[in-house]
Each structure stands twice: as structure tokens, then as C-alpha cells.
Amino acid sequence: MSLVAQTSWRVVSALTTACLLATSPALGQPEKTNPLAGDAAAVTAGKNIYRGRCAVCHGLDAKGYRGSDLTTGDWVHGGSDAQIFKTIFSGVPGTEMPGNANMSDEEVWMVMAYLRTLSSPGGPAAERGDPARGDQLFWAKDKGNCGQCHMIGSRGGGRIGPNLSRIGAARSVAALEREIRKPAEVIPVGFETITVVTRDGRRIRGTRKNEDTFTVQVMNANEEILSFFKKDLNEVLPEPEQSLMPAYGPERLSDPELADVVRYLRTLRGK
């Protein structure tokens, strides 16, 4: 190894060690804390940034729209300043939480300063419903029959709907209630309803799994993935206001039963 190569290797090794020491609590180093915590100007700025970047998923009041409730103090991926910073900046792989690498450190700290003002002093309120009863209702074929379209861990046979193994960490109570009562209001990416019309007039309805300029892939009701060249189709009809999931109104799932099912789903936090 040349002298230049040896020197470069030492520099890289030293920088790597320094980064580990600076960021690893296991090595006895203090985690970084929010330098803008409690700063009134930072809280105001963080609120504005939050509403522009985060409210579309977490709601203007941060109580969860298509994402989790950020007002409960229940931080699934860690509640320290360093952990929340990482969640916002880097996102959570395998979930709907994207990274925000285009935000500056200061902007992330501002958002965190704002979010810290929203937590209830007494912690999250007790949730209604019986999770054991909700478990039964969820799987019962004469009630929810949700396993027909969804999976939880290795249980259930459905793939035409989203996997719900960690839905309790990703959705608030209000969001789950809305998605059961009015599933067409917010449809997850990758599960949008679409109908393709073939040249011989066949209409195939399902969820859109992928689409580009030349092709479209659809999962039909039998959970078969069908791929089409658009040139071979008469029409590709998106249905943004329709969901393959039926609406569970009070006549199908009473309010107490809904509370039980939602309570069960809220216990599902994945790994």
C-alpha cells in the first residue's frame, strides 16, 4: 500500500470512528438535543414548516390524517430528540414516512420544537374499545372478514389490500375510523382503483400496482398481477374516488364494534 493510500485510509478510519462516537449512546456519548427547544420564534417557524410539509399526512392539527397522531407523545421510532430528528430527516424505510433530506438541520429542529408543544401533559388519552373483541370481529367472515383482503403477520390470505402488521403505528384512531367507514376518502399509494378496457371490450378492475408511459400492471380481484401494453388497450380508467374496500357503515359494523376493531388495529405495531 502506498503512503498516499495509507494516509487516506487513516483519515477515513478516523472520521468513521469520530462519527460513531458522536452519534452512539451505547458508547457513553450524550445524544444531541434540540438547540431550539422552547424558543417561541422557532416554534412559530416550525408550525409553518410543519403545515407546508407534514400536514398532508399528519393533519393540520397533527392528530393524524393518513399518518400517525403526533400529539400523543407516543413516538413509535423513539422519542428522544436525536431519534425524532432521524425519523424526520431520514424517514422510516418500508413505511409511508419519507425522508426530508432537503430540509436543513435548523428546519428539522424548528418542526420538533413545534411538535413538542402539542403533547398532552398527562400522556395519550385512554382509547375506547376491546382489542380481543376487535380481533374476533376483524377476522369473522360474517362481520369484518378483513383477512380476505389483508394480512397481519403471517395470518390472512389477502394481498389486494395493504398489509396491516404495523397499522397501529402508522394511523391514528380517527384515521382508522375514517378508513373503515369511508375507505375511498384516502387510498394508499399502490392500491388505487383502476379499470382497463381491452380491445375486445373486456373490463378488468383492480388495484394499480405500476404504470409507466407504455405499460400498466393491475392486481385483479383474484389477486393475479396482470400486465398490459397500453397500445393493446382501448382505455385505462383511473377511479380516484372509488375503493375496492367496501364501506363499513353502522348497519354492517356498529359504533361499539367499530371501536373494538380500531382498538385491535391500534395494537398492531409490527417489529
C-alpha atoms as a PDB file:
ATOM      1  CA  MET A   1       0.000   0.000   0.000  1.00  0.00           C
ATOM      2  CA  SER A   2       1.387   3.411  -0.983  1.00  0.00           C
ATOM      3  CA  LEU A   3       1.993   6.200   1.511  1.00  0.00           C
ATOM      4  CA  VAL A   4      -0.898   8.192  -0.021  1.00  0.00           C
ATOM      5  CA  ALA A   5      -3.234   5.199   0.260  1.00  0.00           C
ATOM      6  CA  GLN A   6      -2.174   4.551   3.858  1.00  0.00           C
ATOM      7  CA  THR A   7      -2.799   8.191   4.768  1.00  0.00           C
ATOM      8  CA  SER A   8      -6.226   8.200   3.076  1.00  0.00           C
ATOM      9  CA  TRP A   9      -7.193   5.015   4.896  1.00  0.00           C
ATOM     10  CA  ARG A  10      -6.184   6.513   8.260  1.00  0.00           C
ATOM     11  CA  VAL A  11      -8.238   9.653   7.560  1.00  0.00           C
ATOM     12  CA  VAL A  12     -11.341   7.636   6.603  1.00  0.00           C
ATOM     13  CA  SER A  13     -10.923   5.393   9.648  1.00  0.00           C
ATOM     14  CA  ALA A  14     -10.533   8.362  11.981  1.00  0.00           C
ATOM     15  CA  LEU A  15     -13.597  10.105  10.550  1.00  0.00           C
ATOM     16  CA  THR A  16     -15.682   6.930  10.862  1.00  0.00           C
ATOM     17  CA  THR A  17     -14.665   6.472  14.489  1.00  0.00           C
ATOM     18  CA  ALA A  18     -15.428  10.123  15.234  1.00  0.00           C
ATOM     19  CA  CYS A  19     -18.913   9.803  13.705  1.00  0.00           C
ATOM     20  CA  LEU A  20     -19.662   6.682  15.744  1.00  0.00           C
ATOM     21  CA  LEU A  21     -18.531   8.332  18.942  1.00  0.00           C
ATOM     22  CA  ALA A  22     -20.631  11.389  18.212  1.00  0.00           C
ATOM     23  CA  THR A  23     -23.823   9.518  17.485  1.00  0.00           C
ATOM     24  CA  SER A  24     -23.832   6.317  19.537  1.00  0.00           C
ATOM     25  CA  PRO A  25     -25.373   6.469  23.020  1.00  0.00           C
ATOM     26  CA  ALA A  26     -24.091   2.917  23.579  1.00  0.00           C
ATOM     27  CA  LEU A  27     -20.549   4.301  23.684  1.00  0.00           C
ATOM     28  CA  GLY A  28     -21.435   6.633  26.528  1.00  0.00           C
ATOM     29  CA  GLN A  29     -21.713   9.750  24.408  1.00  0.00           C
ATOM     30  CA  PRO A  30     -24.649  12.117  25.046  1.00  0.00           C
ATOM     31  CA  GLU A  31     -27.307  12.233  22.324  1.00  0.00           C
ATOM     32  CA  LYS A  32     -27.815  15.568  20.614  1.00  0.00           C
ATOM     33  CA  THR A  33     -30.708  17.628  21.922  1.00  0.00           C
ATOM     34  CA  ASN A  34     -32.799  20.256  20.215  1.00  0.00           C
ATOM     35  CA  PRO A  35     -30.975  23.606  20.492  1.00  0.00           C
ATOM     36  CA  LEU A  36     -34.243  25.411  19.647  1.00  0.00           C
ATOM     37  CA  ALA A  37     -36.459  23.710  22.234  1.00  0.00           C
ATOM     38  CA  GLY A  38     -38.802  26.203  23.872  1.00  0.00           C
ATOM     39  CA  ASP A  39     -37.771  29.059  21.572  1.00  0.00           C
ATOM     40  CA  ALA A  40     -41.007  30.918  20.730  1.00  0.00           C
ATOM     41  CA  ALA A  41     -39.788  32.122  17.330  1.00  0.00           C
ATOM     42  CA  ALA A  42     -38.609  28.619  16.431  1.00  0.00           C
ATOM     43  CA  VAL A  43     -41.981  27.147  17.475  1.00  0.00           C
ATOM     44  CA  THR A  44     -43.831  29.597  15.207  1.00  0.00           C
ATOM     45  CA  ALA A  45     -41.493  28.899  12.293  1.00  0.00           C
ATOM     46  CA  GLY A  46     -41.745  25.154  12.925  1.00  0.00           C
ATOM     47  CA  LYS A  47     -45.539  25.333  12.821  1.00  0.00           C
ATOM     48  CA  ASN A  48     -45.398  26.990   9.393  1.00  0.00           C
ATOM     49  CA  ILE A  49     -42.889  24.439   8.080  1.00  0.00           C
ATOM     50  CA  TYR A  50     -44.963  21.591   9.501  1.00  0.00           C
ATOM     51  CA  ARG A  51     -48.134  22.810   7.789  1.00  0.00           C
ATOM     52  CA  GLY A  52     -46.349  23.061   4.454  1.00  0.00           C
ATOM     53  CA  ARG A  53     -44.559  19.725   4.597  1.00  0.00           C
ATOM     54  CA  CYS A  54     -46.192  17.376   7.103  1.00  0.00           C
ATOM     55  CA  ALA A  55     -49.871  18.285   7.410  1.00  0.00           C
ATOM     56  CA  VAL A  56     -50.882  16.464   4.222  1.00  0.00           C
ATOM     57  CA  CYS A  57     -50.314  13.155   6.073  1.00  0.00           C
ATOM     58  CA  HIS A  58     -50.485  14.072   9.754  1.00  0.00           C
ATOM     59  CA  GLY A  59     -53.245  16.696   9.541  1.00  0.00           C
ATOM     60  CA  LEU A  60     -53.209  20.433  10.222  1.00  0.00           C
ATOM     61  CA  ASP A  61     -53.788  19.721  13.907  1.00  0.00           C
ATOM     62  CA  ALA A  62     -51.153  16.919  13.851  1.00  0.00           C
ATOM     63  CA  LYS A  63     -53.768  14.441  15.086  1.00  0.00           C
ATOM     64  CA  GLY A  64     -53.328  12.226  12.050  1.00  0.00           C
ATOM     65  CA  TYR A  65     -54.995  12.210   8.642  1.00  0.00           C
ATOM     66  CA  ARG A  66     -53.320   9.470   6.656  1.00  0.00           C
ATOM     67  CA  GLY A  67     -50.359   9.314   9.034  1.00  0.00           C
ATOM     68  CA  SER A  68     -49.961   8.888  12.780  1.00  0.00           C
ATOM     69  CA  ASP A  69     -51.124  11.219  15.563  1.00  0.00           C
ATOM     70  CA  LEU A  70     -48.174  13.393  16.622  1.00  0.00           C
ATOM     71  CA  THR A  71     -49.855  14.910  19.669  1.00  0.00           C
ATOM     72  CA  THR A  72     -49.886  11.865  21.951  1.00  0.00           C
ATOM     73  CA  GLY A  73     -46.183  11.741  22.794  1.00  0.00           C
ATOM     74  CA  ASP A  74     -46.182   8.122  21.599  1.00  0.00           C
ATOM     75  CA  TRP A  75     -43.135   8.093  19.322  1.00  0.00           C
ATOM     76  CA  VAL A  76     -43.009   4.609  17.807  1.00  0.00           C
ATOM     77  CA  HIS A  77     -39.494   5.003  16.418  1.00  0.00           C
ATOM     78  CA  GLY A  78     -38.035   6.605  19.528  1.00  0.00           C
ATOM     79  CA  GLY A  79     -38.935   9.752  21.433  1.00  0.00           C
ATOM     80  CA  SER A  80     -35.547  11.321  22.143  1.00  0.00           C
ATOM     81  CA  ASP A  81     -34.564  14.444  20.226  1.00  0.00           C
ATOM     82  CA  ALA A  82     -31.930  12.501  18.288  1.00  0.00           C
ATOM     83  CA  GLN A  83     -34.393   9.747  17.349  1.00  0.00           C
ATOM     84  CA  ILE A  84     -37.157  12.118  16.247  1.00  0.00           C
ATOM     85  CA  PHE A  85     -34.615  14.128  14.236  1.00  0.00           C
ATOM     86  CA  LYS A  86     -33.564  10.938  12.445  1.00  0.00           C
ATOM     87  CA  THR A  87     -37.191   9.959  11.742  1.00  0.00           C
ATOM     88  CA  ILE A  88     -37.990  13.334  10.186  1.00  0.00           C
ATOM     89  CA  PHE A  89     -34.730  13.748   8.288  1.00  0.00           C
ATOM     90  CA  SER A  90     -34.163  10.171   7.081  1.00  0.00           C
ATOM     91  CA  GLY A  91     -37.710   8.797   7.077  1.00  0.00           C
ATOM     92  CA  VAL A  92     -38.574   5.205   8.006  1.00  0.00           C
ATOM     93  CA  PRO A  93     -37.711   2.586   5.366  1.00  0.00           C
ATOM     94  CA  GLY A  94     -40.556   0.242   4.499  1.00  0.00           C
ATOM     95  CA  THR A  95     -43.227   2.697   5.666  1.00  0.00           C
ATOM     96  CA  GLU A  96     -45.088   5.658   4.215  1.00  0.00           C
ATOM     97  CA  MET A  97     -42.841   8.063   6.156  1.00  0.00           C
ATOM     98  CA  PRO A  98     -40.479   9.670   3.599  1.00  0.00           C
ATOM     99  CA  GLY A  99     -37.180  11.339   4.354  1.00  0.00           C
ATOM    100  CA  ASN A 100     -36.729  15.099   4.268  1.00  0.00           C
ATOM    101  CA  ALA A 101     -33.086  15.392   3.317  1.00  0.00           C
ATOM    102  CA  ASN A 102     -33.839  18.709   1.585  1.00  0.00           C
ATOM    103  CA  MET A 103     -34.638  20.272   4.958  1.00  0.00           C
ATOM    104  CA  SER A 104     -31.856  21.967   6.873  1.00  0.00           C
ATOM    105  CA  ASP A 105     -30.979  20.828  10.389  1.00  0.00           C
ATOM    106  CA  GLU A 106     -32.414  24.089  11.701  1.00  0.00           C
ATOM    107  CA  GLU A 107     -35.740  23.492   9.948  1.00  0.00           C
ATOM    108  CA  VAL A 108     -35.989  19.989  11.426  1.00  0.00           C
ATOM    109  CA  TRP A 109     -35.241  21.367  14.918  1.00  0.00           C
ATOM    110  CA  MET A 110     -37.930  24.025  14.403  1.00  0.00           C
ATOM    111  CA  VAL A 111     -40.537  21.425  13.467  1.00  0.00           C
ATOM    112  CA  MET A 112     -39.569  19.390  16.514  1.00  0.00           C
ATOM    113  CA  ALA A 113     -39.811  22.458  18.755  1.00  0.00           C
ATOM    114  CA  TYR A 114     -43.357  22.942  17.496  1.00  0.00           C
ATOM    115  CA  LEU A 115     -44.348  19.278  17.867  1.00  0.00           C
ATOM    116  CA  ARG A 116     -43.109  19.216  21.455  1.00  0.00           C
ATOM    117  CA  THR A 117     -45.691  21.877  22.313  1.00  0.00           C
ATOM    118  CA  LEU A 118     -48.544  19.616  21.186  1.00  0.00           C
ATOM    119  CA  SER A 119     -48.098  16.661  23.543  1.00  0.00           C
ATOM    120  CA  SER A 120     -50.686  16.332  26.289  1.00  0.00           C
ATOM    121  CA  PRO A 121     -49.121  16.711  29.761  1.00  0.00           C
ATOM    122  CA  GLY A 122     -50.818  13.547  31.007  1.00  0.00           C
ATOM    123  CA  GLY A 123     -49.790  11.453  28.015  1.00  0.00           C
ATOM    124  CA  PRO A 124     -52.141   9.911  25.454  1.00  0.00           C
ATOM    125  CA  ALA A 125     -55.780   9.515  26.405  1.00  0.00           C
ATOM    126  CA  ALA A 126     -57.135   6.029  27.009  1.00  0.00           C
ATOM    127  CA  GLU A 127     -58.592   4.531  23.857  1.00  0.00           C
ATOM    128  CA  ARG A 128     -62.074   3.053  23.655  1.00  0.00           C
ATOM    129  CA  GLY A 129     -62.847  -0.498  22.648  1.00  0.00           C
ATOM    130  CA  ASP A 130     -61.942  -4.084  23.480  1.00  0.00           C
ATOM    131  CA  PRO A 131     -58.985  -5.324  21.396  1.00  0.00           C
ATOM    132  CA  ALA A 132     -59.816  -9.002  21.981  1.00  0.00           C
ATOM    133  CA  ARG A 133     -63.342  -8.494  20.698  1.00  0.00           C
ATOM    134  CA  GLY A 134     -61.974  -6.408  17.841  1.00  0.00           C
ATOM    135  CA  ASP A 135     -59.653  -9.265  16.884  1.00  0.00           C
ATOM    136  CA  GLN A 136     -62.638 -11.584  16.590  1.00  0.00           C
ATOM    137  CA  LEU A 137     -64.699  -9.091  14.586  1.00  0.00           C
ATOM    138  CA  PHE A 138     -61.803  -8.362  12.216  1.00  0.00           C
ATOM    139  CA  TRP A 139     -61.425 -11.998  11.164  1.00  0.00           C
ATOM    140  CA  ALA A 140     -65.066 -13.155  11.437  1.00  0.00           C
ATOM    141  CA  LYS A 141     -66.466 -13.981   7.995  1.00  0.00           C
ATOM    142  CA  ASP A 142     -69.931 -12.773   8.974  1.00  0.00           C
ATOM    143  CA  LYS A 143     -68.564  -9.399  10.155  1.00  0.00           C
ATOM    144  CA  GLY A 144     -65.335  -7.796   9.025  1.00  0.00           C
ATOM    145  CA  ASN A 145     -63.920 -10.705   7.020  1.00  0.00           C
ATOM    146  CA  CYS A 146     -60.887  -8.451   6.619  1.00  0.00           C
ATOM    147  CA  GLY A 147     -58.439 -11.332   6.182  1.00  0.00           C
ATOM    148  CA  GLN A 148     -59.915 -11.850   2.738  1.00  0.00           C
ATOM    149  CA  CYS A 149     -58.063  -8.760   1.535  1.00  0.00           C
ATOM    150  CA  HIS A 150     -55.438  -8.011   4.224  1.00  0.00           C
ATOM    151  CA  MET A 151     -52.600  -9.772   6.028  1.00  0.00           C
ATOM    152  CA  ILE A 152     -51.340  -9.328   9.585  1.00  0.00           C
ATOM    153  CA  GLY A 153     -48.015 -11.049  10.033  1.00  0.00           C
ATOM    154  CA  SER A 154     -48.452 -14.490   8.502  1.00  0.00           C
ATOM    155  CA  ARG A 155     -52.188 -14.539   9.161  1.00  0.00           C
ATOM    156  CA  GLY A 156     -54.742 -13.790   6.485  1.00  0.00           C
ATOM    157  CA  GLY A 157     -54.610 -14.548   2.817  1.00  0.00           C
ATOM    158  CA  GLY A 158     -55.333 -11.213   1.226  1.00  0.00           C
ATOM    159  CA  ARG A 159     -52.868  -9.089  -0.707  1.00  0.00           C
ATOM    160  CA  ILE A 160     -55.262  -6.892  -2.609  1.00  0.00           C
ATOM    161  CA  GLY A 161     -55.370  -4.588   0.429  1.00  0.00           C
ATOM    162  CA  PRO A 162     -52.407  -3.192   2.400  1.00  0.00           C
ATOM    163  CA  ASN A 163     -50.547  -5.322   4.939  1.00  0.00           C
ATOM    164  CA  LEU A 164     -51.761  -4.190   8.367  1.00  0.00           C
ATOM    165  CA  SER A 165     -48.992  -5.643  10.541  1.00  0.00           C
ATOM    166  CA  ARG A 166     -47.925  -2.193  11.781  1.00  0.00           C
ATOM    167  CA  ILE A 167     -51.041  -0.166  11.092  1.00  0.00           C
ATOM    168  CA  GLY A 168     -51.343   0.862  14.746  1.00  0.00           C
ATOM    169  CA  ALA A 169     -48.046   2.724  14.491  1.00  0.00           C
ATOM    170  CA  ALA A 170     -48.989   4.376  11.214  1.00  0.00           C
ATOM    171  CA  ARG A 171     -52.578   5.512  11.792  1.00  0.00           C
ATOM    172  CA  SER A 172     -54.414   7.467  14.447  1.00  0.00           C
ATOM    173  CA  VAL A 173     -57.755   6.372  15.876  1.00  0.00           C
ATOM    174  CA  ALA A 174     -59.566   8.979  13.778  1.00  0.00           C
ATOM    175  CA  ALA A 175     -57.751   7.884  10.609  1.00  0.00           C
ATOM    176  CA  LEU A 176     -58.615   4.216  11.161  1.00  0.00           C
ATOM    177  CA  GLU A 177     -62.255   5.036  11.828  1.00  0.00           C
ATOM    178  CA  ARG A 178     -62.413   7.106   8.636  1.00  0.00           C
ATOM    179  CA  GLU A 179     -60.690   4.455   6.526  1.00  0.00           C
ATOM    180  CA  ILE A 180     -63.151   1.807   7.707  1.00  0.00           C
ATOM    181  CA  ARG A 181     -66.260   3.951   7.308  1.00  0.00           C
ATOM    182  CA  LYS A 182     -65.141   5.839   4.176  1.00  0.00           C
ATOM    183  CA  PRO A 183     -62.285   3.892   2.538  1.00  0.00           C
ATOM    184  CA  ALA A 184     -62.423   5.907  -0.690  1.00  0.00           C
ATOM    185  CA  GLU A 185     -61.503   9.154   1.085  1.00  0.00           C
ATOM    186  CA  VAL A 186     -57.798   8.267   1.387  1.00  0.00           C
ATOM    187  CA  ILE A 187     -56.434   5.436  -0.749  1.00  0.00           C
ATOM    188  CA  PRO A 188     -52.839   4.314  -0.074  1.00  0.00           C
ATOM    189  CA  VAL A 189     -50.303   4.589  -2.880  1.00  0.00           C
ATOM    190  CA  GLY A 190     -50.172   1.325  -4.820  1.00  0.00           C
ATOM    191  CA  PHE A 191     -53.778   0.449  -4.047  1.00  0.00           C
ATOM    192  CA  GLU A 192     -55.580   2.949  -6.279  1.00  0.00           C
ATOM    193  CA  THR A 193     -58.557   1.523  -8.160  1.00  0.00           C
ATOM    194  CA  ILE A 194     -58.259   1.296 -11.926  1.00  0.00           C
ATOM    195  CA  THR A 195     -60.174  -0.320 -14.799  1.00  0.00           C
ATOM    196  CA  VAL A 196     -58.525  -1.336 -18.062  1.00  0.00           C
ATOM    197  CA  VAL A 197     -60.614  -1.965 -21.170  1.00  0.00           C
ATOM    198  CA  THR A 198     -59.155  -4.405 -23.671  1.00  0.00           C
ATOM    199  CA  ARG A 199     -59.582  -4.223 -27.449  1.00  0.00           C
ATOM    200  CA  ASP A 200     -62.238  -6.967 -27.298  1.00  0.00           C
ATOM    201  CA  GLY A 201     -64.250  -4.985 -24.722  1.00  0.00           C
ATOM    202  CA  ARG A 202     -63.271  -6.857 -21.550  1.00  0.00           C
ATOM    203  CA  ARG A 203     -63.175  -4.634 -18.460  1.00  0.00           C
ATOM    204  CA  ILE A 204     -60.675  -5.627 -15.782  1.00  0.00           C
ATOM    205  CA  ARG A 205     -60.934  -3.799 -12.463  1.00  0.00           C
ATOM    206  CA  GLY A 206     -58.363  -3.948  -9.724  1.00  0.00           C
ATOM    207  CA  THR A 207     -55.612  -2.045  -7.944  1.00  0.00           C
ATOM    208  CA  ARG A 208     -52.893  -0.291  -9.903  1.00  0.00           C
ATOM    209  CA  LYS A 209     -49.507  -1.718  -8.957  1.00  0.00           C
ATOM    210  CA  ASN A 210     -47.364   0.071 -11.501  1.00  0.00           C
ATOM    211  CA  GLU A 211     -47.763   2.295 -14.532  1.00  0.00           C
ATOM    212  CA  ASP A 212     -45.416   3.996 -16.959  1.00  0.00           C
ATOM    213  CA  THR A 213     -45.686   5.540 -20.401  1.00  0.00           C
ATOM    214  CA  PHE A 214     -46.082   2.220 -22.181  1.00  0.00           C
ATOM    215  CA  THR A 215     -47.435  -0.332 -19.689  1.00  0.00           C
ATOM    216  CA  VAL A 216     -49.768  -0.759 -16.725  1.00  0.00           C
ATOM    217  CA  GLN A 217     -49.875  -3.537 -14.131  1.00  0.00           C
ATOM    218  CA  VAL A 218     -53.103  -4.386 -12.293  1.00  0.00           C
ATOM    219  CA  MET A 219     -53.917  -6.785  -9.446  1.00  0.00           C
ATOM    220  CA  ASN A 220     -57.413  -8.132 -10.063  1.00  0.00           C
ATOM    221  CA  ALA A 221     -59.952  -9.422  -7.520  1.00  0.00           C
ATOM    222  CA  ASN A 222     -58.334 -12.885  -7.682  1.00  0.00           C
ATOM    223  CA  GLU A 223     -55.006 -11.289  -6.683  1.00  0.00           C
ATOM    224  CA  GLU A 224     -53.450 -12.013 -10.068  1.00  0.00           C
ATOM    225  CA  ILE A 225     -50.952  -9.454 -11.387  1.00  0.00           C
ATOM    226  CA  LEU A 226     -51.838  -8.674 -14.998  1.00  0.00           C
ATOM    227  CA  SER A 227     -49.548  -6.631 -17.232  1.00  0.00           C
ATOM    228  CA  PHE A 228     -50.742  -4.778 -20.329  1.00  0.00           C
ATOM    229  CA  PHE A 229     -49.165  -2.753 -23.097  1.00  0.00           C
ATOM    230  CA  LYS A 230     -51.214   0.418 -23.375  1.00  0.00           C
ATOM    231  CA  LYS A 231     -51.148   0.171 -27.165  1.00  0.00           C
ATOM    232  CA  ASP A 232     -53.182  -3.036 -26.822  1.00  0.00           C
ATOM    233  CA  LEU A 233     -55.889  -1.391 -24.685  1.00  0.00           C
ATOM    234  CA  ASN A 234     -58.854   0.736 -25.595  1.00  0.00           C
ATOM    235  CA  GLU A 235     -58.841   2.652 -22.303  1.00  0.00           C
ATOM    236  CA  VAL A 236     -57.105   2.982 -18.946  1.00  0.00           C
ATOM    237  CA  LEU A 237     -59.620   4.412 -16.477  1.00  0.00           C
ATOM    238  CA  PRO A 238     -58.360   5.597 -13.082  1.00  0.00           C
ATOM    239  CA  GLU A 239     -61.045   5.670 -10.384  1.00  0.00           C
ATOM    240  CA  PRO A 240     -59.603   8.070  -7.782  1.00  0.00           C
ATOM    241  CA  GLU A 241     -62.872   8.304  -5.851  1.00  0.00           C
ATOM    242  CA  GLN A 242     -63.514   4.563  -5.687  1.00  0.00           C
ATOM    243  CA  SER A 243     -62.018   1.909  -3.425  1.00  0.00           C
ATOM    244  CA  LEU A 244     -62.157  -1.857  -3.764  1.00  0.00           C
ATOM    245  CA  MET A 245     -62.643  -1.948   0.006  1.00  0.00           C
ATOM    246  CA  PRO A 246     -66.337  -1.779   0.906  1.00  0.00           C
ATOM    247  CA  ALA A 247     -67.553   0.948   3.252  1.00  0.00           C
ATOM    248  CA  TYR A 248     -68.380  -0.474   6.678  1.00  0.00           C
ATOM    249  CA  GLY A 249     -71.358   1.626   7.704  1.00  0.00           C
ATOM    250  CA  PRO A 250     -73.192   1.338  11.055  1.00  0.00           C
ATOM    251  CA  GLU A 251     -75.548  -1.221   9.577  1.00  0.00           C
ATOM    252  CA  ARG A 252     -72.592  -3.531   8.953  1.00  0.00           C
ATOM    253  CA  LEU A 253     -70.374  -2.571  11.890  1.00  0.00           C
ATOM    254  CA  SER A 254     -71.991  -0.777  14.825  1.00  0.00           C
ATOM    255  CA  ASP A 255     -70.200   2.082  16.569  1.00  0.00           C
ATOM    256  CA  PRO A 256     -69.183  -0.121  19.552  1.00  0.00           C
ATOM    257  CA  GLU A 257     -67.946  -2.803  17.136  1.00  0.00           C
ATOM    258  CA  LEU A 258     -66.007  -0.187  15.189  1.00  0.00           C
ATOM    259  CA  ALA A 259     -64.358   0.961  18.421  1.00  0.00           C
ATOM    260  CA  ASP A 260     -63.359  -2.649  19.176  1.00  0.00           C
ATOM    261  CA  VAL A 261     -61.862  -3.213  15.706  1.00  0.00           C
ATOM    262  CA  VAL A 262     -59.956   0.079  15.803  1.00  0.00           C
ATOM    263  CA  ARG A 263     -58.640  -0.717  19.285  1.00  0.00           C
ATOM    264  CA  TYR A 264     -57.375  -4.055  17.970  1.00  0.00           C
ATOM    265  CA  LEU A 265     -55.733  -2.440  14.955  1.00  0.00           C
ATOM    266  CA  ARG A 266     -54.036   0.116  17.216  1.00  0.00           C
ATOM    267  CA  THR A 267     -52.236  -2.733  18.994  1.00  0.00           C
ATOM    268  CA  LEU A 268     -50.541  -3.752  15.739  1.00  0.00           C
ATOM    269  CA  ARG A 269     -47.117  -2.125  15.822  1.00  0.00           C
ATOM    270  CA  GLY A 270     -45.046  -4.555  13.746  1.00  0.00           C
ATOM    271  CA  LYS A 271     -41.450  -5.164  14.754  1.00  0.00           C
END
